[in-house]
Amino acid sequence: MLLEGLNVVELSTWVAGPGCAAIMADWGASVIKVESAAGDPTRGFFPDTAESPGNPIFALENRGKRSIVLNLTQPQDREAMLALLRGADIFVTNLRPGALARVGLDYETVRAHAPRLIYSSITGYGLEGPDADLPAFDLTAFWTRSGVAASTIPPDQEPFACRPGFGDHTTGLATLSAILAALHERTQTGRGRLVETSLLRTAAYAIGWDLAILLRYGDVVTAQPRRDRPSPITGYFRTADDQWLCVVPRGEGCFPAMMRFIGRPDLLDDPAYAQPILDLERVREVRALVDAAIGALTLEQAGRALTDADLIWAPMARLKDLVVDPQAEAAGCFVEVEDGWQGRFRAPAAPARFPEGAPNVRGPAPRLGQHTQEILRELNGD
């Protein structure tokens, strides 16, 4: 059951808006994607032909939807859009506020036509303030302007970008949670409401540990060069077979466990190494010992020993490792989807699973305007 019977209209491009609506489609909602004649730009990333079926990027963000092409500058198509919204439960858009106002699809105008509608606006910087109408991607608003990049990239390294869609998907999830909260409220009030999310605000929450410390104390230590980091047993270590693994202590017992792991339990009786070690030179000395111990073992050997020591660790897997990881398969990280050409392919799954039953993923991503006439006939009652 889940979201079956819920009607969603999506007027958005790229990732955050389409991704949010795609999860609702995966969970059973009926989603109509409204596009211009040019189509969502993500359609152009990979060919979708009989020879190379199934654009993986567009499919990830748009599988299970229906597509209608409307020219919202034309009165007839704008009326069709308003008719769609009157019959919808949820409207998802990531168009900028100014663009929506120009075609009469701002919240106040739409609310007059559809008072029960949950109107979800996703922007780069929010709906208020001097930069509310600026264009944005997750690389600019979520990663760079928010402080996430500067908090993540050590100062001795050249800045690098986040991977495509990384902040968008986080924002899409934030948007989905807000929509479901508003939907629950509507069951009690009968009224819709405006739901607002932004790449910037989501990023501020995502980097919330560091931001909370800064707001409370006026200063925070974020990314540092490895040799200056205060914990000798936290971070990435290279193994003898040139692999990397990550270790993260969870409590006071982890330092003794690590000293036993590296064969130096004698340090536990030396006051100079009492926790926390405040002398940075001592920290570097212990880190060098951990480097040497892990560096003498293969990844398999080190992982087995760290597991036996009950330390939290993980290998630094590549994506090609993830797709053959039996634990990722068991966790439900992948799903098979239709490619629109009578075939199927493997794709990332939505980020939650319902073991007691859920709708099947609905069909492939639609071709541009594939369902225009079908949807218009439905609006006309045909």
Protein backbone atom coordinates (compact mmCIF):
# COMPACT_ATOMS: atom_id res chain seq x y z
CA MET A 1 0.00 0.00 0.00
CA LEU A 2 2.39 2.70 1.24
CA LEU A 3 1.78 5.74 -1.02
CA GLU A 4 -0.58 4.07 -3.49
CA GLY A 5 -3.51 6.38 -4.26
CA LEU A 6 -1.39 9.51 -3.73
CA ASN A 7 -1.23 11.84 -6.73
CA VAL A 8 1.96 13.84 -7.27
CA VAL A 9 2.68 16.49 -9.89
CA GLU A 10 6.33 17.34 -10.43
CA LEU A 11 7.62 20.41 -12.27
CA SER A 12 11.36 20.15 -11.78
CA THR A 13 14.64 19.33 -13.48
CA TRP A 14 18.04 17.86 -12.65
CA VAL A 15 18.09 16.02 -9.32
CA ALA A 16 16.63 17.26 -6.02
CA GLY A 17 13.00 17.65 -7.15
CA PRO A 18 12.91 14.68 -9.53
CA GLY A 19 14.71 12.49 -6.98
CA CYS A 20 12.22 13.33 -4.25
CA ALA A 21 9.29 12.51 -6.55
CA ALA A 22 11.03 9.34 -7.78
CA ILE A 23 11.14 7.92 -4.28
CA MET A 24 7.41 8.57 -3.93
CA ALA A 25 6.89 6.78 -7.25
CA ASP A 26 8.97 3.84 -5.99
CA TRP A 27 6.72 3.72 -2.94
CA GLY A 28 3.54 3.55 -5.00
CA ALA A 29 2.49 7.16 -5.66
CA SER A 30 1.23 8.17 -9.09
CA VAL A 31 3.68 10.82 -10.34
CA ILE A 32 3.17 13.04 -13.38
CA LYS A 33 6.32 14.81 -14.55
CA VAL A 34 5.66 18.08 -16.35
CA GLU A 35 8.35 19.03 -18.85
CA SER A 36 8.96 21.67 -21.46
CA ALA A 37 9.48 20.67 -25.07
CA ALA A 38 13.24 20.69 -24.37
CA GLY A 39 12.82 18.13 -21.60
CA ASP A 40 14.72 17.64 -18.36
CA PRO A 41 18.44 18.27 -19.09
CA THR A 42 19.37 14.93 -17.50
CA ARG A 43 17.77 13.23 -20.50
CA GLY A 44 20.83 14.28 -22.49
CA PHE A 45 23.50 12.62 -20.36
CA PHE A 46 23.38 9.16 -21.92
CA PRO A 47 21.70 7.92 -25.10
CA ASP A 48 18.42 6.09 -24.68
CA THR A 49 18.17 4.05 -27.86
CA ALA A 50 17.52 0.48 -28.86
CA GLU A 51 21.30 0.06 -29.18
CA SER A 52 21.96 1.56 -25.73
CA PRO A 53 18.67 1.37 -23.82
CA GLY A 54 17.96 3.00 -20.51
CA ASN A 55 19.63 6.31 -19.53
CA PRO A 56 20.84 5.36 -16.01
CA ILE A 57 20.90 8.94 -14.68
CA PHE A 58 17.47 9.96 -15.93
CA ALA A 59 16.02 6.60 -14.92
CA LEU A 60 17.30 6.92 -11.35
CA GLU A 61 15.50 10.23 -10.87
CA ASN A 62 12.39 9.52 -12.97
CA ARG A 63 11.51 5.82 -13.09
CA GLY A 64 7.86 4.99 -12.66
CA LYS A 65 6.57 8.45 -13.64
CA ARG A 66 4.43 9.62 -16.54
CA SER A 67 5.61 12.54 -18.69
CA ILE A 68 3.49 15.37 -20.09
CA VAL A 69 4.89 18.24 -22.17
CA LEU A 70 3.30 21.64 -21.49
CA ASN A 71 4.23 25.16 -22.59
CA LEU A 72 3.34 27.07 -19.45
CA THR A 73 3.55 30.43 -21.20
CA GLN A 74 0.45 29.43 -23.19
CA PRO A 75 -2.95 29.95 -21.48
CA GLN A 76 -4.35 26.55 -22.52
CA ASP A 77 -1.35 24.65 -21.15
CA ARG A 78 -1.32 26.72 -17.98
CA GLU A 79 -4.97 25.83 -17.42
CA ALA A 80 -4.08 22.17 -17.93
CA MET A 81 -1.36 22.56 -15.30
CA LEU A 82 -3.79 24.09 -12.82
CA ALA A 83 -6.23 21.25 -13.51
CA LEU A 84 -3.47 18.77 -12.74
CA LEU A 85 -2.75 20.54 -9.45
CA ARG A 86 -6.42 20.62 -8.46
CA GLY A 87 -6.44 16.84 -8.70
CA ALA A 88 -3.11 16.34 -6.97
CA ASP A 89 -2.13 15.78 -3.38
CA ILE A 90 1.45 17.02 -3.74
CA PHE A 91 3.25 19.45 -6.04
CA VAL A 92 7.05 19.21 -6.20
CA THR A 93 9.01 21.95 -7.95
CA ASN A 94 12.57 23.21 -7.96
CA LEU A 95 12.02 26.05 -10.38
CA ARG A 96 13.12 29.41 -9.06
CA PRO A 97 10.44 31.55 -7.38
CA GLY A 98 10.62 34.24 -10.06
CA ALA A 99 10.09 31.77 -12.89
CA LEU A 100 7.07 30.25 -11.13
CA ALA A 101 5.54 33.67 -10.49
CA ARG A 102 5.90 34.62 -14.16
CA VAL A 103 3.71 31.68 -15.24
CA GLY A 104 1.24 32.06 -12.37
CA LEU A 105 2.41 29.01 -10.43
CA ASP A 106 3.63 30.71 -7.26
CA TYR A 107 2.24 29.34 -4.02
CA GLU A 108 -0.37 32.02 -3.36
CA THR A 109 -1.84 31.71 -6.85
CA VAL A 110 -1.89 27.91 -6.79
CA ARG A 111 -3.37 27.79 -3.30
CA ALA A 112 -6.41 29.70 -4.50
CA HIS A 113 -7.06 26.92 -7.02
CA ALA A 114 -6.00 23.93 -4.89
CA PRO A 115 -6.30 24.61 -1.13
CA ARG A 116 -5.66 20.96 -0.17
CA LEU A 117 -2.42 20.76 -2.13
CA ILE A 118 0.93 20.20 -0.42
CA TYR A 119 3.10 22.67 -2.38
CA SER A 120 6.77 21.71 -2.05
CA SER A 121 9.35 24.27 -3.13
CA ILE A 122 13.01 23.24 -3.43
CA THR A 123 15.49 26.06 -4.03
CA GLY A 124 19.18 26.73 -3.75
CA TYR A 125 18.98 29.39 -1.07
CA GLY A 126 15.41 29.55 0.24
CA LEU A 127 12.36 31.66 -0.59
CA GLU A 128 13.42 34.81 1.27
CA GLY A 129 16.50 37.02 1.33
CA PRO A 130 18.61 38.77 -1.30
CA ASP A 131 19.74 35.56 -3.00
CA ALA A 132 16.41 33.73 -3.04
CA ASP A 133 16.19 33.79 -6.83
CA LEU A 134 19.79 32.89 -7.60
CA PRO A 135 20.39 29.75 -9.67
CA ALA A 136 22.18 26.97 -7.79
CA PHE A 137 23.42 23.41 -8.00
CA ASP A 138 24.40 21.23 -5.06
CA LEU A 139 28.05 21.84 -5.91
CA THR A 140 27.58 25.58 -5.33
CA ALA A 141 24.90 25.93 -2.64
CA PHE A 142 25.13 22.65 -0.72
CA TRP A 143 28.84 21.88 -1.00
CA THR A 144 30.66 25.17 -1.45
CA ARG A 145 28.68 28.09 0.02
CA SER A 146 27.46 26.16 3.04
CA GLY A 147 30.92 25.50 4.46
CA VAL A 148 30.64 21.74 3.88
CA ALA A 149 33.52 21.73 1.39
CA ALA A 150 35.81 23.85 3.56
CA SER A 151 34.98 21.66 6.57
CA THR A 152 35.75 18.48 4.62
CA ILE A 153 38.77 19.31 2.46
CA PRO A 154 42.02 19.59 4.45
CA PRO A 155 43.58 23.04 4.08
CA ASP A 156 46.77 21.62 2.54
CA GLN A 157 44.80 20.20 -0.40
CA GLU A 158 43.40 21.86 -3.50
CA PRO A 159 39.57 22.12 -3.25
CA PHE A 160 37.64 19.35 -4.95
CA ALA A 161 33.99 18.93 -5.89
CA CYS A 162 31.36 16.69 -4.36
CA ARG A 163 30.11 13.92 -6.61
CA PRO A 164 27.10 14.73 -8.83
CA GLY A 165 23.76 14.69 -7.06
CA PHE A 166 25.28 14.17 -3.61
CA GLY A 167 23.72 17.21 -1.95
CA ASP A 168 20.67 17.02 -4.20
CA HIS A 169 19.76 13.56 -2.97
CA THR A 170 20.21 14.64 0.64
CA THR A 171 17.92 17.62 -0.03
CA GLY A 172 15.43 15.37 -1.81
CA LEU A 173 15.21 13.19 1.28
CA ALA A 174 14.75 16.24 3.50
CA THR A 175 11.98 17.40 1.18
CA LEU A 176 10.27 14.03 1.25
CA SER A 177 10.24 13.97 5.06
CA ALA A 178 8.71 17.47 5.13
CA ILE A 179 6.06 16.51 2.57
CA LEU A 180 5.02 13.48 4.60
CA ALA A 181 4.76 15.63 7.75
CA ALA A 182 2.51 18.09 5.92
CA LEU A 183 0.48 15.23 4.48
CA HIS A 184 -0.11 13.86 7.98
CA GLU A 185 -1.24 17.31 9.14
CA ARG A 186 -3.69 17.50 6.23
CA THR A 187 -5.45 14.36 7.43
CA GLN A 188 -6.44 16.39 10.49
CA THR A 189 -6.98 19.88 9.05
CA GLY A 190 -8.04 19.17 5.47
CA ARG A 191 -5.74 21.95 4.33
CA GLY A 192 -2.56 21.93 2.35
CA ARG A 193 0.45 24.08 3.03
CA LEU A 194 3.73 25.36 1.61
CA VAL A 195 6.76 23.13 2.30
CA GLU A 196 10.10 24.83 1.73
CA THR A 197 13.53 23.22 1.54
CA SER A 198 16.82 24.48 0.16
CA LEU A 199 20.22 23.10 -0.66
CA LEU A 200 21.78 25.62 1.72
CA ARG A 201 19.60 24.79 4.72
CA THR A 202 19.92 21.04 4.18
CA ALA A 203 23.70 21.41 4.03
CA ALA A 204 23.70 23.39 7.28
CA TYR A 205 21.88 20.49 8.93
CA ALA A 206 24.12 17.88 7.29
CA ILE A 207 27.24 19.62 8.69
CA GLY A 208 25.33 20.15 11.93
CA TRP A 209 27.91 18.72 14.36
CA ASP A 210 30.56 21.21 13.32
CA LEU A 211 28.04 24.03 12.94
CA ALA A 212 26.53 23.40 16.39
CA ILE A 213 29.96 23.64 18.02
CA LEU A 214 30.72 26.87 16.18
CA LEU A 215 27.38 28.43 17.10
CA ARG A 216 27.78 27.46 20.76
CA TYR A 217 31.46 28.27 21.33
CA GLY A 218 32.38 30.63 18.49
CA ASP A 219 35.04 28.37 17.03
CA VAL A 220 35.38 24.86 15.63
CA VAL A 221 38.18 22.69 14.31
CA THR A 222 37.24 21.01 11.05
CA ALA A 223 39.41 19.37 8.38
CA GLN A 224 43.11 19.30 9.21
CA PRO A 225 46.24 17.88 7.60
CA ARG A 226 46.71 14.30 8.74
CA ARG A 227 49.81 14.99 10.82
CA ASP A 228 47.95 17.65 12.84
CA ARG A 229 44.88 15.59 13.74
CA PRO A 230 44.45 15.11 17.48
CA SER A 231 43.44 11.42 17.55
CA PRO A 232 46.19 8.90 16.79
CA ILE A 233 43.87 6.00 16.01
CA THR A 234 41.17 7.74 13.95
CA GLY A 235 41.13 7.95 10.18
CA TYR A 236 42.53 6.14 7.18
CA PHE A 237 45.44 3.70 7.21
CA ARG A 238 47.13 1.97 4.25
CA THR A 239 47.58 -1.81 4.24
CA ALA A 240 50.42 -3.92 2.83
CA ASP A 241 48.44 -4.67 -0.33
CA ASP A 242 47.99 -0.93 -1.00
CA GLN A 243 44.40 -0.75 0.21
CA TRP A 244 42.95 1.76 2.65
CA LEU A 245 40.76 1.19 5.65
CA CYS A 246 39.09 3.58 8.07
CA VAL A 247 39.06 3.23 11.87
CA VAL A 248 36.76 5.23 14.15
CA PRO A 249 36.90 4.78 17.95
CA ARG A 250 33.58 4.80 19.78
CA GLY A 251 34.65 5.00 23.42
CA GLU A 252 37.38 4.78 26.03
CA GLY A 253 38.02 1.09 25.45
CA CYS A 254 39.12 1.57 21.86
CA PHE A 255 42.57 3.02 22.55
CA PRO A 256 43.60 0.07 24.74
CA ALA A 257 42.18 -2.31 22.14
CA MET A 258 44.22 -0.63 19.42
CA MET A 259 47.41 -0.72 21.52
CA ARG A 260 46.94 -4.45 22.02
CA PHE A 261 46.23 -4.84 18.31
CA ILE A 262 49.54 -3.15 17.36
CA GLY A 263 51.45 -5.09 20.02
CA ARG A 264 52.15 -2.13 22.31
CA PRO A 265 50.07 -2.71 25.46
CA ASP A 266 53.03 -1.34 27.44
CA LEU A 267 52.01 2.19 26.41
CA LEU A 268 48.85 1.85 28.47
CA ASP A 269 50.91 2.00 31.67
CA ASP A 270 52.85 5.10 30.60
CA PRO A 271 51.28 8.35 31.88
CA ALA A 272 52.58 10.14 28.77
CA TYR A 273 50.02 8.23 26.71
CA ALA A 274 47.05 8.66 29.03
CA GLN A 275 43.89 9.60 27.14
CA PRO A 276 43.39 12.10 25.70
CA ILE A 277 46.95 12.61 24.49
CA LEU A 278 47.45 16.36 24.42
CA ASP A 279 51.04 16.37 23.21
CA LEU A 280 50.85 16.44 19.41
CA GLU A 281 54.27 14.83 19.06
CA ARG A 282 53.06 11.86 21.11
CA VAL A 283 49.96 11.67 18.92
CA ARG A 284 52.16 11.53 15.83
CA GLU A 285 54.33 8.88 17.45
CA VAL A 286 51.35 6.63 18.19
CA ARG A 287 49.87 7.22 14.74
CA ALA A 288 53.16 6.12 13.20
CA LEU A 289 52.99 2.91 15.24
CA VAL A 290 49.44 2.24 13.98
CA ASP A 291 50.55 3.05 10.43
CA ALA A 292 53.37 0.52 10.72
CA ALA A 293 51.22 -2.22 12.26
CA ILE A 294 48.42 -1.93 9.72
CA GLY A 295 50.92 -1.37 6.91
CA ALA A 296 52.46 -4.77 7.62
CA LEU A 297 49.13 -6.57 7.07
CA THR A 298 46.95 -7.15 4.06
CA LEU A 299 43.47 -5.67 4.09
CA GLU A 300 41.99 -9.09 4.85
CA GLN A 301 44.42 -9.68 7.73
CA ALA A 302 43.99 -6.22 9.21
CA GLY A 303 40.21 -6.36 8.90
CA ARG A 304 40.04 -9.71 10.65
CA ALA A 305 42.25 -8.48 13.50
CA LEU A 306 40.31 -5.21 13.90
CA THR A 307 37.04 -7.12 13.97
CA ASP A 308 38.45 -9.49 16.60
CA ALA A 309 39.46 -6.42 18.63
CA ASP A 310 35.86 -5.13 18.36
CA LEU A 311 37.02 -1.90 16.71
CA ILE A 312 34.81 -0.07 14.23
CA TRP A 313 36.43 -0.13 10.81
CA ALA A 314 35.58 -0.39 7.13
CA PRO A 315 37.52 -0.89 3.92
CA MET A 316 37.63 2.05 1.54
CA ALA A 317 35.63 0.37 -1.18
CA ARG A 318 35.35 1.54 -4.75
CA LEU A 319 31.97 1.63 -6.43
CA LYS A 320 32.89 -1.49 -8.38
CA ASP A 321 33.51 -3.18 -5.02
CA LEU A 322 30.15 -2.05 -3.69
CA VAL A 323 28.16 -3.54 -6.54
CA VAL A 324 29.52 -7.03 -5.79
CA ASP A 325 29.47 -6.67 -2.00
CA PRO A 326 27.13 -9.36 -0.65
CA GLN A 327 26.29 -7.17 2.33
CA ALA A 328 25.18 -4.32 0.04
CA GLU A 329 22.99 -6.82 -1.78
CA ALA A 330 21.56 -8.09 1.50
CA ALA A 331 20.90 -4.52 2.66
CA GLY A 332 18.80 -3.90 -0.44
CA CYS A 333 21.04 -1.30 -2.08
CA PHE A 334 20.05 -2.29 -5.63
CA VAL A 335 16.88 -2.81 -7.62
CA GLU A 336 16.14 -4.04 -11.13
CA VAL A 337 14.23 -1.56 -13.30
CA GLU A 338 12.77 -1.65 -16.78
CA ASP A 339 14.72 0.16 -19.49
CA GLY A 340 11.74 1.01 -21.68
CA TRP A 341 12.94 -1.30 -24.47
CA GLN A 342 11.68 -4.63 -23.09
CA GLY A 343 14.84 -5.07 -21.05
CA ARG A 344 15.90 -4.52 -17.46
CA PHE A 345 18.99 -3.21 -15.70
CA ARG A 346 20.32 -2.86 -12.17
CA ALA A 347 20.04 0.53 -10.46
CA PRO A 348 20.38 2.10 -7.00
CA ALA A 349 17.36 1.44 -4.80
CA ALA A 350 15.45 4.03 -2.82
CA PRO A 351 17.03 4.48 0.63
CA ALA A 352 14.48 2.53 2.68
CA ARG A 353 13.06 -0.96 2.51
CA PHE A 354 9.73 -2.32 3.76
CA PRO A 355 10.30 -6.01 4.59
CA GLU A 356 6.59 -6.67 5.17
CA GLY A 357 5.74 -5.70 1.61
CA ALA A 358 5.86 -2.71 -0.73
CA PRO A 359 4.68 -1.88 -4.25
CA ASN A 360 6.91 -2.97 -7.09
CA VAL A 361 8.93 -0.22 -8.74
CA ARG A 362 6.59 1.15 -11.41
CA GLY A 363 7.84 0.82 -14.96
CA PRO A 364 10.68 2.62 -16.71
CA ALA A 365 11.45 6.31 -16.86
CA PRO A 366 9.11 7.92 -19.42
CA ARG A 367 10.12 9.19 -22.81
CA LEU A 368 9.63 12.92 -23.25
CA GLY A 369 5.91 13.68 -23.51
CA GLN A 370 5.09 9.97 -23.71
CA HIS A 371 1.85 10.37 -21.76
CA THR A 372 0.77 13.88 -22.84
CA GLN A 373 -2.36 12.87 -24.73
CA GLU A 374 -3.26 10.21 -22.17
CA ILE A 375 -3.10 12.71 -19.31
CA LEU A 376 -4.97 15.42 -21.21
CA ARG A 377 -7.77 12.93 -21.95
CA GLU A 378 -7.96 12.12 -18.24
CA LEU A 379 -8.26 15.84 -17.43
CA ASN A 380 -11.12 16.12 -19.91
CA GLY A 381 -12.87 13.11 -18.41
CA ASP A 382 -12.46 11.01 -21.55
